[in-house]
Amino acid sequence: MVNDLIAERAEDITNILIENALAYDSGCLKLAIELLAPAPKDNRINLELPNIEQSGDLNTAIAQITSKVGSVDITTLEGQGLIKMFEAWKSAYSLEETELRVTKLEEHNHIKTGQ
């Protein structure tokens, strides 16, 4: 309902917003800038990282990301997002490795005890 009312008057609202922004109304100026040049939500990052085959490879990738942030090749926010993703992978890899070790120990104990 509200969207319909706004849609019907979109041109009038836009003209008022522009007039007020040009008259240095800070609220309208801010809104106009946000509409015309919105802050980027997500960017692609061109970054070569090592192949991730085991959890140790993730430490290398995280070190490379930290280095790229330090050399200003990527932003701190981009680096944090990548590191968070790699830490989630590392947790998954660690869990998988632990499960494999437990399975091997259980199999070894069954063989040893003859069960």
Protein backbone atom coordinates (compact mmCIF):
# COMPACT_ATOMS: atom_id res chain seq x y z
CA MET A 1 0.00 0.00 0.00
CA VAL A 2 2.72 2.50 0.97
CA ASN A 3 4.86 1.35 -1.94
CA ASP A 4 1.95 2.01 -4.31
CA LEU A 5 1.48 5.53 -2.96
CA ILE A 6 5.18 6.28 -3.30
CA ALA A 7 5.30 4.77 -6.81
CA GLU A 8 2.44 7.01 -7.91
CA ARG A 9 4.34 10.10 -6.76
CA ALA A 10 7.89 8.94 -7.53
CA GLU A 11 8.62 11.74 -9.98
CA ASP A 12 7.34 14.44 -7.59
CA ILE A 13 9.28 12.96 -4.70
CA THR A 14 12.45 12.76 -6.79
CA ASN A 15 12.10 16.39 -7.88
CA ILE A 16 11.60 17.56 -4.29
CA LEU A 17 14.59 15.50 -3.15
CA ILE A 18 16.78 17.05 -5.85
CA GLU A 19 15.55 20.61 -5.16
CA ASN A 20 16.19 20.25 -1.43
CA ALA A 21 19.59 18.60 -1.97
CA LEU A 22 20.60 21.49 -4.25
CA ALA A 23 19.45 23.89 -1.53
CA TYR A 24 21.99 22.23 0.80
CA ASP A 25 19.47 20.29 2.90
CA SER A 26 21.96 17.87 4.43
CA GLY A 27 19.44 15.04 4.86
CA CYS A 28 18.28 15.26 1.24
CA LEU A 29 21.84 15.68 0.02
CA LYS A 30 22.92 12.55 1.90
CA LEU A 31 19.96 10.56 0.57
CA ALA A 32 20.60 11.72 -2.99
CA ILE A 33 24.27 10.71 -2.77
CA GLU A 34 23.36 7.31 -1.30
CA LEU A 35 20.88 6.73 -4.12
CA LEU A 36 23.22 7.93 -6.88
CA ALA A 37 26.43 6.35 -5.57
CA PRO A 38 25.58 3.61 -3.08
CA ALA A 39 28.37 2.15 -0.99
CA PRO A 40 29.66 -1.07 -2.53
CA LYS A 41 28.23 -4.13 -0.85
CA ASP A 42 30.70 -6.66 -2.11
CA ASN A 43 33.59 -6.62 -4.51
CA ARG A 44 35.47 -9.32 -6.31
CA ILE A 45 39.00 -9.67 -5.11
CA ASN A 46 41.72 -10.62 -7.57
CA LEU A 47 44.05 -12.59 -5.33
CA GLU A 48 46.13 -15.70 -5.98
CA LEU A 49 46.10 -18.13 -3.09
CA PRO A 50 47.64 -21.57 -2.67
CA ASN A 51 45.63 -24.69 -3.36
CA ILE A 52 43.87 -25.76 -0.19
CA GLU A 53 44.36 -29.49 0.26
CA GLN A 54 44.83 -29.74 4.01
CA SER A 55 44.33 -27.58 7.05
CA GLY A 56 47.97 -26.43 7.06
CA ASP A 57 47.43 -24.81 3.66
CA LEU A 58 44.88 -22.53 5.27
CA ASN A 59 47.56 -21.03 7.52
CA THR A 60 49.55 -20.13 4.40
CA ALA A 61 46.47 -18.57 2.79
CA ILE A 62 45.68 -16.55 5.93
CA ALA A 63 49.29 -15.32 6.06
CA GLN A 64 49.07 -14.22 2.42
CA ILE A 65 45.80 -12.38 3.08
CA THR A 66 47.33 -10.61 6.09
CA SER A 67 50.29 -9.59 3.93
CA LYS A 68 47.94 -8.24 1.22
CA VAL A 69 46.09 -6.15 3.81
CA GLY A 70 49.42 -4.83 5.12
CA SER A 71 50.53 -3.83 1.62
CA VAL A 72 47.11 -2.26 0.93
CA ASP A 73 46.34 -4.60 -1.98
CA ILE A 74 43.00 -5.40 -0.31
CA THR A 75 41.05 -3.56 2.35
CA THR A 76 40.96 -4.59 5.99
CA LEU A 77 37.28 -5.48 5.61
CA GLU A 78 37.98 -7.66 2.57
CA GLY A 79 40.82 -9.37 4.43
CA GLN A 80 38.62 -10.01 7.47
CA GLY A 81 35.94 -11.56 5.28
CA LEU A 82 38.42 -13.87 3.57
CA ILE A 83 40.06 -14.88 6.84
CA LYS A 84 36.68 -15.62 8.39
CA MET A 85 35.86 -17.86 5.43
CA PHE A 86 39.19 -19.68 5.69
CA GLU A 87 38.79 -20.12 9.46
CA ALA A 88 35.43 -21.80 8.84
CA TRP A 89 37.12 -24.13 6.34
CA LYS A 90 39.89 -24.80 8.84
CA SER A 91 37.34 -25.80 11.47
CA ALA A 92 35.69 -28.15 9.00
CA TYR A 93 39.03 -29.67 7.97
CA SER A 94 40.07 -30.08 11.61
CA LEU A 95 36.83 -31.84 12.42
CA GLU A 96 37.24 -34.14 9.42
CA GLU A 97 40.84 -34.93 10.36
CA THR A 98 39.80 -35.68 13.96
CA GLU A 99 37.03 -37.98 12.78
CA LEU A 100 39.48 -39.87 10.54
CA ARG A 101 41.93 -40.30 13.42
CA VAL A 102 39.21 -41.56 15.75
CA THR A 103 38.00 -44.02 13.11
CA LYS A 104 41.54 -45.34 12.58
CA LEU A 105 42.05 -45.72 16.34
CA GLU A 106 38.75 -47.55 16.69
CA GLU A 107 39.63 -49.86 13.79
CA HIS A 108 43.07 -50.48 15.29
CA ASN A 109 41.53 -51.31 18.69
CA HIS A 110 39.04 -53.71 17.11
CA ILE A 111 41.85 -55.52 15.31
CA LYS A 112 43.98 -55.59 18.46
CA THR A 113 41.17 -56.93 20.69
CA GLY A 114 39.81 -59.24 18.02
CA GLN A 115 36.30 -57.75 18.06
